[in-house]
Amino acid sequence: MADINKINDESLENVTGGVKRIVQNDAVNYANVRSGAGLKYDVEYKVYNGTAVYTTGKVKYADGYDWYQLDDGCWISGSLIGY
């Protein structure tokens, strides 16, 4: 599992194990995958709806979103993935 560190003085909560999830974005047909857990981080790439992604952990941040770390170390908003 990738090292999950405290980012910008935000506390880590609800760290859980990984699982296969499916990208589901109702607004557009893709989800942005970011370099860190938050909207302020750069978009590394996009993943299209219906694509399976594999998470390694979950962190909830002060921005109000659950962010899941992917197996490649990048992050995706929990609002854009389902089971």
N, C-alpha and C. Protein backbone atom coordinates (compact mmCIF):
# COMPACT_ATOMS: atom_id res chain seq x y z
N MET A 1 0.85 -1.18 0.00
CA MET A 1 0.00 0.00 0.00
C MET A 1 0.89 1.24 0.00
N ALA A 2 0.51 2.20 -0.77
CA ALA A 2 1.26 3.46 -0.82
C ALA A 2 1.21 4.14 0.54
N ASP A 3 2.23 4.89 0.84
CA ASP A 3 2.30 5.62 2.09
C ASP A 3 1.25 6.73 2.09
N ILE A 4 0.37 6.75 3.08
CA ILE A 4 -0.62 7.82 3.19
C ILE A 4 -0.13 8.77 4.28
N ASN A 5 0.21 9.97 3.89
CA ASN A 5 0.73 10.96 4.82
C ASN A 5 -0.24 12.10 4.99
N LYS A 6 -0.09 12.82 6.08
CA LYS A 6 -0.89 14.01 6.34
C LYS A 6 -0.57 15.05 5.28
N ILE A 7 -1.61 15.64 4.66
CA ILE A 7 -1.43 16.59 3.58
C ILE A 7 -1.93 17.96 4.03
N ASN A 8 -1.07 18.96 3.98
CA ASN A 8 -1.45 20.34 4.29
C ASN A 8 -2.20 20.49 5.61
N ASP A 9 -1.72 19.83 6.64
CA ASP A 9 -2.28 19.94 7.99
C ASP A 9 -3.73 19.48 8.10
N GLU A 10 -4.21 18.71 7.13
CA GLU A 10 -5.54 18.14 7.24
C GLU A 10 -5.40 16.76 7.86
N SER A 11 -6.30 16.38 8.76
CA SER A 11 -6.16 15.10 9.43
C SER A 11 -6.72 13.96 8.60
N LEU A 12 -6.10 12.80 8.72
CA LEU A 12 -6.58 11.61 8.04
C LEU A 12 -7.69 10.97 8.88
N GLU A 13 -8.74 10.53 8.22
CA GLU A 13 -9.84 9.84 8.91
C GLU A 13 -10.27 8.65 8.08
N ASN A 14 -10.82 7.67 8.72
CA ASN A 14 -11.48 6.54 8.06
C ASN A 14 -10.62 5.83 7.02
N VAL A 15 -9.36 5.58 7.33
CA VAL A 15 -8.52 4.87 6.38
C VAL A 15 -8.99 3.42 6.32
N THR A 16 -9.28 2.95 5.11
CA THR A 16 -9.79 1.59 4.93
C THR A 16 -9.02 0.88 3.83
N GLY A 17 -9.26 -0.39 3.68
CA GLY A 17 -8.58 -1.19 2.66
C GLY A 17 -9.10 -0.94 1.26
N GLY A 18 -8.41 -1.50 0.29
CA GLY A 18 -8.73 -1.26 -1.11
C GLY A 18 -9.80 -2.19 -1.66
N VAL A 19 -10.37 -1.77 -2.78
CA VAL A 19 -11.43 -2.54 -3.42
C VAL A 19 -11.58 -2.06 -4.87
N LYS A 20 -12.15 -2.90 -5.72
CA LYS A 20 -12.45 -2.52 -7.11
C LYS A 20 -13.71 -1.66 -7.10
N ARG A 21 -13.67 -0.52 -7.79
CA ARG A 21 -14.82 0.38 -7.89
C ARG A 21 -14.99 0.81 -9.34
N ILE A 22 -16.18 1.27 -9.69
CA ILE A 22 -16.50 1.66 -11.06
C ILE A 22 -16.72 3.18 -11.11
N VAL A 23 -16.10 3.84 -12.09
CA VAL A 23 -16.27 5.29 -12.26
C VAL A 23 -17.70 5.57 -12.73
N GLN A 24 -18.38 6.52 -12.03
CA GLN A 24 -19.75 6.90 -12.34
C GLN A 24 -19.91 8.40 -12.10
N ASN A 25 -19.78 9.19 -13.13
CA ASN A 25 -19.94 10.63 -13.00
C ASN A 25 -21.19 11.03 -13.78
N ASP A 26 -22.21 11.52 -13.08
CA ASP A 26 -23.47 11.88 -13.72
C ASP A 26 -23.37 13.18 -14.53
N ALA A 27 -22.41 14.04 -14.21
CA ALA A 27 -22.31 15.34 -14.88
C ALA A 27 -21.64 15.24 -16.26
N VAL A 28 -20.59 14.46 -16.36
CA VAL A 28 -19.87 14.26 -17.62
C VAL A 28 -19.49 12.78 -17.69
N ASN A 29 -18.91 12.35 -18.80
CA ASN A 29 -18.64 10.91 -18.95
C ASN A 29 -17.25 10.49 -18.48
N TYR A 30 -16.64 11.25 -17.60
CA TYR A 30 -15.33 10.90 -17.06
C TYR A 30 -15.16 11.47 -15.66
N ALA A 31 -14.11 11.02 -15.00
CA ALA A 31 -13.74 11.54 -13.68
C ALA A 31 -12.28 11.98 -13.73
N ASN A 32 -11.98 13.07 -13.08
CA ASN A 32 -10.59 13.52 -12.96
C ASN A 32 -9.90 12.74 -11.86
N VAL A 33 -8.69 12.30 -12.14
CA VAL A 33 -7.84 11.65 -11.15
C VAL A 33 -6.74 12.65 -10.82
N ARG A 34 -6.56 12.92 -9.54
CA ARG A 34 -5.68 14.01 -9.10
C ARG A 34 -4.42 13.50 -8.41
N SER A 35 -3.43 14.39 -8.33
CA SER A 35 -2.16 14.06 -7.71
C SER A 35 -2.24 13.99 -6.19
N GLY A 36 -3.28 14.57 -5.60
CA GLY A 36 -3.48 14.55 -4.16
C GLY A 36 -4.95 14.49 -3.83
N ALA A 37 -5.25 14.33 -2.56
CA ALA A 37 -6.62 14.20 -2.09
C ALA A 37 -7.26 15.56 -1.87
N GLY A 38 -7.75 16.17 -2.93
CA GLY A 38 -8.41 17.47 -2.84
C GLY A 38 -8.52 18.13 -4.20
N LEU A 39 -9.46 19.04 -4.32
CA LEU A 39 -9.70 19.72 -5.58
C LEU A 39 -8.56 20.65 -6.00
N LYS A 40 -7.73 21.05 -5.06
CA LYS A 40 -6.64 21.97 -5.38
C LYS A 40 -5.45 21.27 -6.05
N TYR A 41 -5.47 19.94 -6.08
CA TYR A 41 -4.36 19.20 -6.68
C TYR A 41 -4.53 19.07 -8.19
N ASP A 42 -3.42 18.94 -8.89
CA ASP A 42 -3.42 18.84 -10.35
C ASP A 42 -4.15 17.58 -10.82
N VAL A 43 -4.82 17.70 -11.97
CA VAL A 43 -5.42 16.54 -12.62
C VAL A 43 -4.30 15.79 -13.34
N GLU A 44 -4.11 14.54 -12.99
CA GLU A 44 -3.08 13.71 -13.60
C GLU A 44 -3.60 13.05 -14.87
N TYR A 45 -4.85 12.59 -14.85
CA TYR A 45 -5.48 11.97 -16.02
C TYR A 45 -6.97 11.85 -15.77
N LYS A 46 -7.71 11.44 -16.79
CA LYS A 46 -9.15 11.25 -16.73
C LYS A 46 -9.47 9.78 -16.90
N VAL A 47 -10.54 9.32 -16.23
CA VAL A 47 -11.00 7.94 -16.36
C VAL A 47 -12.46 7.99 -16.78
N TYR A 48 -12.81 7.26 -17.84
CA TYR A 48 -14.17 7.29 -18.38
C TYR A 48 -15.15 6.47 -17.54
N ASN A 49 -16.42 6.89 -17.56
CA ASN A 49 -17.48 6.16 -16.87
C ASN A 49 -17.46 4.68 -17.27
N GLY A 50 -17.71 3.83 -16.29
CA GLY A 50 -17.73 2.40 -16.52
C GLY A 50 -16.39 1.72 -16.35
N THR A 51 -15.32 2.50 -16.23
CA THR A 51 -13.98 1.95 -16.04
C THR A 51 -13.79 1.50 -14.59
N ALA A 52 -13.19 0.34 -14.41
CA ALA A 52 -12.87 -0.14 -13.07
C ALA A 52 -11.58 0.52 -12.59
N VAL A 53 -11.57 0.98 -11.36
CA VAL A 53 -10.37 1.49 -10.71
C VAL A 53 -10.19 0.72 -9.41
N TYR A 54 -8.96 0.64 -8.95
CA TYR A 54 -8.66 -0.10 -7.73
C TYR A 54 -8.13 0.86 -6.68
N THR A 55 -8.84 0.92 -5.56
CA THR A 55 -8.45 1.83 -4.49
C THR A 55 -7.59 1.10 -3.47
N THR A 56 -6.75 1.86 -2.79
CA THR A 56 -5.90 1.29 -1.74
C THR A 56 -6.24 1.85 -0.37
N GLY A 57 -7.04 2.88 -0.31
CA GLY A 57 -7.41 3.47 0.96
C GLY A 57 -8.38 4.62 0.76
N LYS A 58 -8.95 5.09 1.86
CA LYS A 58 -9.94 6.16 1.80
C LYS A 58 -9.60 7.20 2.87
N VAL A 59 -9.72 8.47 2.50
CA VAL A 59 -9.44 9.55 3.44
C VAL A 59 -10.52 10.61 3.26
N LYS A 60 -11.10 11.12 4.34
CA LYS A 60 -12.07 12.20 4.25
C LYS A 60 -11.38 13.49 4.68
N TYR A 61 -11.48 14.52 3.84
CA TYR A 61 -10.81 15.79 4.10
C TYR A 61 -11.82 16.90 4.38
N ALA A 62 -11.34 18.00 4.80
CA ALA A 62 -12.16 19.15 5.18
C ALA A 62 -12.94 19.74 4.01
N ASP A 63 -12.58 19.43 2.77
CA ASP A 63 -13.33 19.98 1.64
C ASP A 63 -14.69 19.30 1.46
N GLY A 64 -15.00 18.33 2.30
CA GLY A 64 -16.32 17.70 2.29
C GLY A 64 -16.45 16.48 1.42
N TYR A 65 -15.39 16.08 0.75
CA TYR A 65 -15.43 14.90 -0.12
C TYR A 65 -14.66 13.76 0.51
N ASP A 66 -15.09 12.54 0.21
CA ASP A 66 -14.28 11.36 0.49
C ASP A 66 -13.36 11.18 -0.71
N TRP A 67 -12.07 11.02 -0.44
CA TRP A 67 -11.10 10.82 -1.51
C TRP A 67 -10.51 9.45 -1.37
N TYR A 68 -10.45 8.72 -2.49
CA TYR A 68 -9.89 7.38 -2.51
C TYR A 68 -8.55 7.41 -3.22
N GLN A 69 -7.56 6.78 -2.59
CA GLN A 69 -6.26 6.66 -3.25
C GLN A 69 -6.30 5.44 -4.16
N LEU A 70 -5.84 5.62 -5.38
CA LEU A 70 -5.81 4.52 -6.35
C LEU A 70 -4.51 3.74 -6.22
N ASP A 71 -4.47 2.58 -6.84
CA ASP A 71 -3.29 1.73 -6.73
C ASP A 71 -2.04 2.33 -7.36
N ASP A 72 -2.20 3.38 -8.18
CA ASP A 72 -1.03 4.05 -8.76
C ASP A 72 -0.58 5.26 -7.93
N GLY A 73 -1.25 5.50 -6.80
CA GLY A 73 -0.87 6.60 -5.92
C GLY A 73 -1.64 7.89 -6.15
N CYS A 74 -2.41 7.97 -7.23
CA CYS A 74 -3.24 9.15 -7.49
C CYS A 74 -4.55 9.04 -6.70
N TRP A 75 -5.37 10.08 -6.77
CA TRP A 75 -6.58 10.16 -5.95
C TRP A 75 -7.81 10.49 -6.80
N ILE A 76 -8.98 9.97 -6.37
CA ILE A 76 -10.24 10.24 -7.04
C ILE A 76 -11.31 10.51 -5.99
N SER A 77 -12.22 11.42 -6.30
CA SER A 77 -13.29 11.76 -5.38
C SER A 77 -14.25 10.60 -5.25
N GLY A 78 -14.66 10.31 -4.03
CA GLY A 78 -15.62 9.24 -3.78
C GLY A 78 -16.97 9.49 -4.41
N SER A 79 -17.28 10.75 -4.72
CA SER A 79 -18.56 11.06 -5.35
C SER A 79 -18.58 10.63 -6.81
N LEU A 80 -17.44 10.22 -7.35
CA LEU A 80 -17.34 9.85 -8.77
C LEU A 80 -17.14 8.36 -8.98
N ILE A 81 -17.23 7.57 -7.91
CA ILE A 81 -17.07 6.13 -8.05
C ILE A 81 -18.13 5.40 -7.25
N GLY A 82 -18.44 4.20 -7.69
CA GLY A 82 -19.40 3.32 -7.00
C GLY A 82 -18.84 1.92 -6.96
N TYR A 83 -19.65 1.01 -6.46
CA TYR A 83 -19.22 -0.39 -6.36
C TYR A 83 -19.61 -1.17 -7.58
